[in-house]
Amino acid sequence: MPKIKSHSGAKKRFSVNPKGKVKYASTDRGHFMTEKSQDRKRKLRKGGYLSGKQAKTVKKLIQN
């Protein structure tokens, strides 16, 4: 039986903290930043945490 590979895209986008919560960074930070207001850009700096079924799915994807 071969080993299950982790999902490379998920590894780059999510991380699991010591308590087991799945952390993610905000999207829409790539380009066209001059068109976004300073307030909007400030809010985009913050990330967030996944919960429930989404967190379970991502953990399964990024396990080694």
PDB file of N, CA and C in Angstrom:
ATOM      1  N   MET A   1       0.842  -1.186   0.000  1.00  0.00           N
ATOM      2  CA  MET A   1       0.000   0.000   0.000  1.00  0.00           C
ATOM      3  C   MET A   1       0.892   1.257   0.000  1.00  0.00           C
ATOM      4  N   PRO A   2       0.736   2.154  -0.994  1.00  0.00           N
ATOM      5  CA  PRO A   2       1.592   3.346  -1.037  1.00  0.00           C
ATOM      6  C   PRO A   2       1.191   4.382   0.027  1.00  0.00           C
ATOM      7  N   LYS A   3       2.157   5.236   0.352  1.00  0.00           N
ATOM      8  CA  LYS A   3       1.885   6.310   1.314  1.00  0.00           C
ATOM      9  C   LYS A   3       0.965   7.346   0.677  1.00  0.00           C
ATOM     10  N   ILE A   4       0.157   8.013   1.497  1.00  0.00           N
ATOM     11  CA  ILE A   4      -0.707   9.083   1.002  1.00  0.00           C
ATOM     12  C   ILE A   4       0.087  10.380   1.037  1.00  0.00           C
ATOM     13  N   LYS A   5       0.111  11.084  -0.097  1.00  0.00           N
ATOM     14  CA  LYS A   5       0.855  12.343  -0.168  1.00  0.00           C
ATOM     15  C   LYS A   5       0.010  13.484   0.382  1.00  0.00           C
ATOM     16  N   SER A   6       0.702  14.484   0.956  1.00  0.00           N
ATOM     17  CA  SER A   6      -0.026  15.668   1.418  1.00  0.00           C
ATOM     18  C   SER A   6      -0.312  16.564   0.222  1.00  0.00           C
ATOM     19  N   HIS A   7      -1.323  17.376   0.341  1.00  0.00           N
ATOM     20  CA  HIS A   7      -1.751  18.275  -0.720  1.00  0.00           C
ATOM     21  C   HIS A   7      -0.837  19.504  -0.724  1.00  0.00           C
ATOM     22  N   SER A   8      -0.038  19.668  -1.794  1.00  0.00           N
ATOM     23  CA  SER A   8       0.972  20.731  -1.831  1.00  0.00           C
ATOM     24  C   SER A   8       0.357  22.119  -1.733  1.00  0.00           C
ATOM     25  N   GLY A   9      -0.786  22.334  -2.382  1.00  0.00           N
ATOM     26  CA  GLY A   9      -1.448  23.643  -2.337  1.00  0.00           C
ATOM     27  C   GLY A   9      -1.928  23.972  -0.946  1.00  0.00           C
ATOM     28  N   ALA A  10      -2.472  22.981  -0.249  1.00  0.00           N
ATOM     29  CA  ALA A  10      -2.978  23.193   1.107  1.00  0.00           C
ATOM     30  C   ALA A  10      -1.835  23.454   2.085  1.00  0.00           C
ATOM     31  N   LYS A  11      -0.700  22.776   1.878  1.00  0.00           N
ATOM     32  CA  LYS A  11       0.459  22.971   2.751  1.00  0.00           C
ATOM     33  C   LYS A  11       0.918  24.420   2.730  1.00  0.00           C
ATOM     34  N   LYS A  12       0.842  25.057   1.544  1.00  0.00           N
ATOM     35  CA  LYS A  12       1.310  26.430   1.394  1.00  0.00           C
ATOM     36  C   LYS A  12       0.319  27.444   1.962  1.00  0.00           C
ATOM     37  N   ARG A  13      -0.952  27.097   2.032  1.00  0.00           N
ATOM     38  CA  ARG A  13      -1.985  28.065   2.390  1.00  0.00           C
ATOM     39  C   ARG A  13      -2.475  27.982   3.832  1.00  0.00           C
ATOM     40  N   PHE A  14      -2.287  26.842   4.469  1.00  0.00           N
ATOM     41  CA  PHE A  14      -2.807  26.643   5.819  1.00  0.00           C
ATOM     42  C   PHE A  14      -1.709  26.164   6.747  1.00  0.00           C
ATOM     43  N   SER A  15      -1.875  26.450   8.049  1.00  0.00           N
ATOM     44  CA  SER A  15      -0.960  25.901   9.051  1.00  0.00           C
ATOM     45  C   SER A  15      -1.771  25.549  10.285  1.00  0.00           C
ATOM     46  N   VAL A  16      -1.283  24.560  11.028  1.00  0.00           N
ATOM     47  CA  VAL A  16      -1.971  24.122  12.237  1.00  0.00           C
ATOM     48  C   VAL A  16      -1.160  24.593  13.436  1.00  0.00           C
ATOM     49  N   ASN A  17      -1.810  25.304  14.364  1.00  0.00           N
ATOM     50  CA  ASN A  17      -1.104  25.794  15.537  1.00  0.00           C
ATOM     51  C   ASN A  17      -1.030  24.700  16.597  1.00  0.00           C
ATOM     52  N   PRO A  18      -0.277  24.902  17.672  1.00  0.00           N
ATOM     53  CA  PRO A  18      -0.112  23.848  18.684  1.00  0.00           C
ATOM     54  C   PRO A  18      -1.413  23.330  19.298  1.00  0.00           C
ATOM     55  N   LYS A  19      -2.442  24.173  19.360  1.00  0.00           N
ATOM     56  CA  LYS A  19      -3.722  23.734  19.911  1.00  0.00           C
ATOM     57  C   LYS A  19      -4.546  22.933  18.913  1.00  0.00           C
ATOM     58  N   GLY A  20      -4.087  22.893  17.651  1.00  0.00           N
ATOM     59  CA  GLY A  20      -4.791  22.115  16.640  1.00  0.00           C
ATOM     60  C   GLY A  20      -5.729  22.921  15.766  1.00  0.00           C
ATOM     61  N   LYS A  21      -5.731  24.252  15.927  1.00  0.00           N
ATOM     62  CA  LYS A  21      -6.585  25.097  15.092  1.00  0.00           C
ATOM     63  C   LYS A  21      -5.905  25.318  13.744  1.00  0.00           C
ATOM     64  N   VAL A  22      -6.711  25.425  12.689  1.00  0.00           N
ATOM     65  CA  VAL A  22      -6.179  25.622  11.342  1.00  0.00           C
ATOM     66  C   VAL A  22      -6.227  27.106  11.014  1.00  0.00           C
ATOM     67  N   LYS A  23      -5.059  27.686  10.741  1.00  0.00           N
ATOM     68  CA  LYS A  23      -4.932  29.113  10.473  1.00  0.00           C
ATOM     69  C   LYS A  23      -4.792  29.351   8.972  1.00  0.00           C
ATOM     70  N   TYR A  24      -5.388  30.455   8.485  1.00  0.00           N
ATOM     71  CA  TYR A  24      -5.261  30.815   7.079  1.00  0.00           C
ATOM     72  C   TYR A  24      -5.032  32.316   6.956  1.00  0.00           C
ATOM     73  N   ALA A  25      -4.452  32.736   5.851  1.00  0.00           N
ATOM     74  CA  ALA A  25      -4.238  34.158   5.574  1.00  0.00           C
ATOM     75  C   ALA A  25      -5.347  34.646   4.645  1.00  0.00           C
ATOM     76  N   SER A  26      -5.634  35.940   4.710  1.00  0.00           N
ATOM     77  CA  SER A  26      -6.675  36.519   3.858  1.00  0.00           C
ATOM     78  C   SER A  26      -6.276  36.456   2.391  1.00  0.00           C
ATOM     79  N   THR A  27      -7.277  36.377   1.527  1.00  0.00           N
ATOM     80  CA  THR A  27      -7.041  36.387   0.085  1.00  0.00           C
ATOM     81  C   THR A  27      -7.104  37.828  -0.422  1.00  0.00           C
ATOM     82  N   ASP A  28      -6.960  38.017  -1.725  1.00  0.00           N
ATOM     83  CA  ASP A  28      -7.057  39.332  -2.393  1.00  0.00           C
ATOM     84  C   ASP A  28      -5.921  40.275  -2.008  1.00  0.00           C
ATOM     85  N   ARG A  29      -4.728  39.718  -1.736  1.00  0.00           N
ATOM     86  CA  ARG A  29      -3.585  40.557  -1.385  1.00  0.00           C
ATOM     87  C   ARG A  29      -2.547  40.577  -2.500  1.00  0.00           C
ATOM     88  N   GLY A  30      -2.851  39.962  -3.639  1.00  0.00           N
ATOM     89  CA  GLY A  30      -1.844  39.758  -4.674  1.00  0.00           C
ATOM     90  C   GLY A  30      -1.478  40.985  -5.465  1.00  0.00           C
ATOM     91  N   HIS A  31      -2.433  41.580  -6.120  1.00  0.00           N
ATOM     92  CA  HIS A  31      -2.138  42.730  -6.978  1.00  0.00           C
ATOM     93  C   HIS A  31      -3.347  43.646  -7.008  1.00  0.00           C
ATOM     94  N   PHE A  32      -3.247  44.752  -7.747  1.00  0.00           N
ATOM     95  CA  PHE A  32      -4.259  45.825  -7.765  1.00  0.00           C
ATOM     96  C   PHE A  32      -4.429  46.436  -6.378  1.00  0.00           C
ATOM     97  N   MET A  33      -3.336  46.516  -5.634  1.00  0.00           N
ATOM     98  CA  MET A  33      -3.415  47.043  -4.275  1.00  0.00           C
ATOM     99  C   MET A  33      -3.649  48.550  -4.257  1.00  0.00           C
ATOM    100  N   THR A  34      -3.284  49.242  -5.339  1.00  0.00           N
ATOM    101  CA  THR A  34      -3.483  50.694  -5.379  1.00  0.00           C
ATOM    102  C   THR A  34      -4.961  51.045  -5.493  1.00  0.00           C
ATOM    103  N   GLU A  35      -5.758  50.131  -5.997  1.00  0.00           N
ATOM    104  CA  GLU A  35      -7.192  50.380  -6.161  1.00  0.00           C
ATOM    105  C   GLU A  35      -7.989  50.110  -4.895  1.00  0.00           C
ATOM    106  N   LYS A  36      -7.369  49.485  -3.914  1.00  0.00           N
ATOM    107  CA  LYS A  36      -8.063  49.155  -2.673  1.00  0.00           C
ATOM    108  C   LYS A  36      -7.811  50.255  -1.639  1.00  0.00           C
ATOM    109  N   SER A  37      -8.824  50.525  -0.833  1.00  0.00           N
ATOM    110  CA  SER A  37      -8.689  51.575   0.175  1.00  0.00           C
ATOM    111  C   SER A  37      -7.742  51.118   1.283  1.00  0.00           C
ATOM    112  N   GLN A  38      -7.192  52.090   1.998  1.00  0.00           N
ATOM    113  CA  GLN A  38      -6.263  51.785   3.086  1.00  0.00           C
ATOM    114  C   GLN A  38      -6.960  50.968   4.166  1.00  0.00           C
ATOM    115  N   ASP A  39      -8.217  51.281   4.426  1.00  0.00           N
ATOM    116  CA  ASP A  39      -9.000  50.565   5.429  1.00  0.00           C
ATOM    117  C   ASP A  39      -9.175  49.099   5.036  1.00  0.00           C
ATOM    118  N   ARG A  40      -9.470  48.873   3.769  1.00  0.00           N
ATOM    119  CA  ARG A  40      -9.662  47.505   3.272  1.00  0.00           C
ATOM    120  C   ARG A  40      -8.361  46.715   3.343  1.00  0.00           C
ATOM    121  N   LYS A  41      -7.257  47.368   2.967  1.00  0.00           N
ATOM    122  CA  LYS A  41      -5.956  46.690   3.011  1.00  0.00           C
ATOM    123  C   LYS A  41      -5.563  46.333   4.439  1.00  0.00           C
ATOM    124  N   ARG A  42      -5.893  47.203   5.375  1.00  0.00           N
ATOM    125  CA  ARG A  42      -5.596  46.953   6.783  1.00  0.00           C
ATOM    126  C   ARG A  42      -6.364  45.735   7.275  1.00  0.00           C
ATOM    127  N   LYS A  43      -7.622  45.629   6.869  1.00  0.00           N
ATOM    128  CA  LYS A  43      -8.438  44.482   7.270  1.00  0.00           C
ATOM    129  C   LYS A  43      -7.946  43.185   6.630  1.00  0.00           C
ATOM    130  N   LEU A  44      -7.363  43.290   5.431  1.00  0.00           N
ATOM    131  CA  LEU A  44      -6.864  42.100   4.738  1.00  0.00           C
ATOM    132  C   LEU A  44      -5.601  41.532   5.384  1.00  0.00           C
ATOM    133  N   ARG A  45      -4.919  42.331   6.208  1.00  0.00           N
ATOM    134  CA  ARG A  45      -3.716  41.830   6.884  1.00  0.00           C
ATOM    135  C   ARG A  45      -4.050  40.705   7.844  1.00  0.00           C
ATOM    136  N   LYS A  46      -5.217  40.780   8.444  1.00  0.00           N
ATOM    137  CA  LYS A  46      -5.618  39.771   9.415  1.00  0.00           C
ATOM    138  C   LYS A  46      -5.993  38.467   8.716  1.00  0.00           C
ATOM    139  N   GLY A  47      -5.643  37.385   9.340  1.00  0.00           N
ATOM    140  CA  GLY A  47      -6.047  36.077   8.843  1.00  0.00           C
ATOM    141  C   GLY A  47      -7.257  35.596   9.606  1.00  0.00           C
ATOM    142  N   GLY A  48      -7.347  34.301   9.783  1.00  0.00           N
ATOM    143  CA  GLY A  48      -8.456  33.750  10.540  1.00  0.00           C
ATOM    144  C   GLY A  48      -8.239  32.275  10.813  1.00  0.00           C
ATOM    145  N   TYR A  49      -9.220  31.673  11.458  1.00  0.00           N
ATOM    146  CA  TYR A  49      -9.148  30.251  11.789  1.00  0.00           C
ATOM    147  C   TYR A  49     -10.352  29.533  11.211  1.00  0.00           C
ATOM    148  N   LEU A  50     -10.104  28.341  10.680  1.00  0.00           N
ATOM    149  CA  LEU A  50     -11.199  27.507  10.184  1.00  0.00           C
ATOM    150  C   LEU A  50     -11.798  26.739  11.358  1.00  0.00           C
ATOM    151  N   SER A  51     -13.067  26.343  11.188  1.00  0.00           N
ATOM    152  CA  SER A  51     -13.692  25.560  12.253  1.00  0.00           C
ATOM    153  C   SER A  51     -14.549  24.464  11.637  1.00  0.00           C
ATOM    154  N   GLY A  52     -14.865  23.486  12.451  1.00  0.00           N
ATOM    155  CA  GLY A  52     -15.781  22.425  12.051  1.00  0.00           C
ATOM    156  C   GLY A  52     -15.276  21.560  10.919  1.00  0.00           C
ATOM    157  N   LYS A  53     -16.152  21.300   9.973  1.00  0.00           N
ATOM    158  CA  LYS A  53     -15.879  20.383   8.866  1.00  0.00           C
ATOM    159  C   LYS A  53     -14.733  20.878   7.990  1.00  0.00           C
ATOM    160  N   GLN A  54     -14.649  22.203   7.776  1.00  0.00           N
ATOM    161  CA  GLN A  54     -13.575  22.746   6.943  1.00  0.00           C
ATOM    162  C   GLN A  54     -12.208  22.466   7.565  1.00  0.00           C
ATOM    163  N   ALA A  55     -12.084  22.667   8.858  1.00  0.00           N
ATOM    164  CA  ALA A  55     -10.812  22.423   9.544  1.00  0.00           C
ATOM    165  C   ALA A  55     -10.434  20.950   9.453  1.00  0.00           C
ATOM    166  N   LYS A  56     -11.405  20.079   9.617  1.00  0.00           N
ATOM    167  CA  LYS A  56     -11.159  18.638   9.554  1.00  0.00           C
ATOM    168  C   LYS A  56     -10.651  18.241   8.164  1.00  0.00           C
ATOM    169  N   THR A  57     -11.265  18.800   7.128  1.00  0.00           N
ATOM    170  CA  THR A  57     -10.872  18.500   5.755  1.00  0.00           C
ATOM    171  C   THR A  57      -9.446  18.974   5.478  1.00  0.00           C
ATOM    172  N   VAL A  58      -9.115  20.181   5.895  1.00  0.00           N
ATOM    173  CA  VAL A  58      -7.780  20.739   5.648  1.00  0.00           C
ATOM    174  C   VAL A  58      -6.732  19.946   6.406  1.00  0.00           C
ATOM    175  N   LYS A  59      -7.011  19.541   7.639  1.00  0.00           N
ATOM    176  CA  LYS A  59      -6.052  18.739   8.414  1.00  0.00           C
ATOM    177  C   LYS A  59      -5.755  17.438   7.701  1.00  0.00           C
ATOM    178  N   LYS A  60      -6.775  16.851   7.107  1.00  0.00           N
ATOM    179  CA  LYS A  60      -6.597  15.599   6.369  1.00  0.00           C
ATOM    180  C   LYS A  60      -5.704  15.826   5.144  1.00  0.00           C
ATOM    181  N   LEU A  61      -5.838  16.982   4.483  1.00  0.00           N
ATOM    182  CA  LEU A  61      -5.054  17.293   3.310  1.00  0.00           C
ATOM    183  C   LEU A  61      -3.573  17.537   3.627  1.00  0.00           C
ATOM    184  N   ILE A  62      -3.307  18.188   4.766  1.00  0.00           N
ATOM    185  CA  ILE A  62      -1.928  18.557   5.050  1.00  0.00           C
ATOM    186  C   ILE A  62      -1.186  17.581   5.958  1.00  0.00           C
ATOM    187  N   GLN A  63      -1.841  16.478   6.337  1.00  0.00           N
ATOM    188  CA  GLN A  63      -1.131  15.486   7.156  1.00  0.00           C
ATOM    189  C   GLN A  63      -0.007  14.852   6.335  1.00  0.00           C
ATOM    190  N   ASN A  64       1.057  14.436   7.004  1.00  0.00           N
ATOM    191  CA  ASN A  64       2.209  13.859   6.292  1.00  0.00           C
ATOM    192  C   ASN A  64       2.051  12.379   6.109  1.00  0.00           C
TER     193      ASN A  64
END
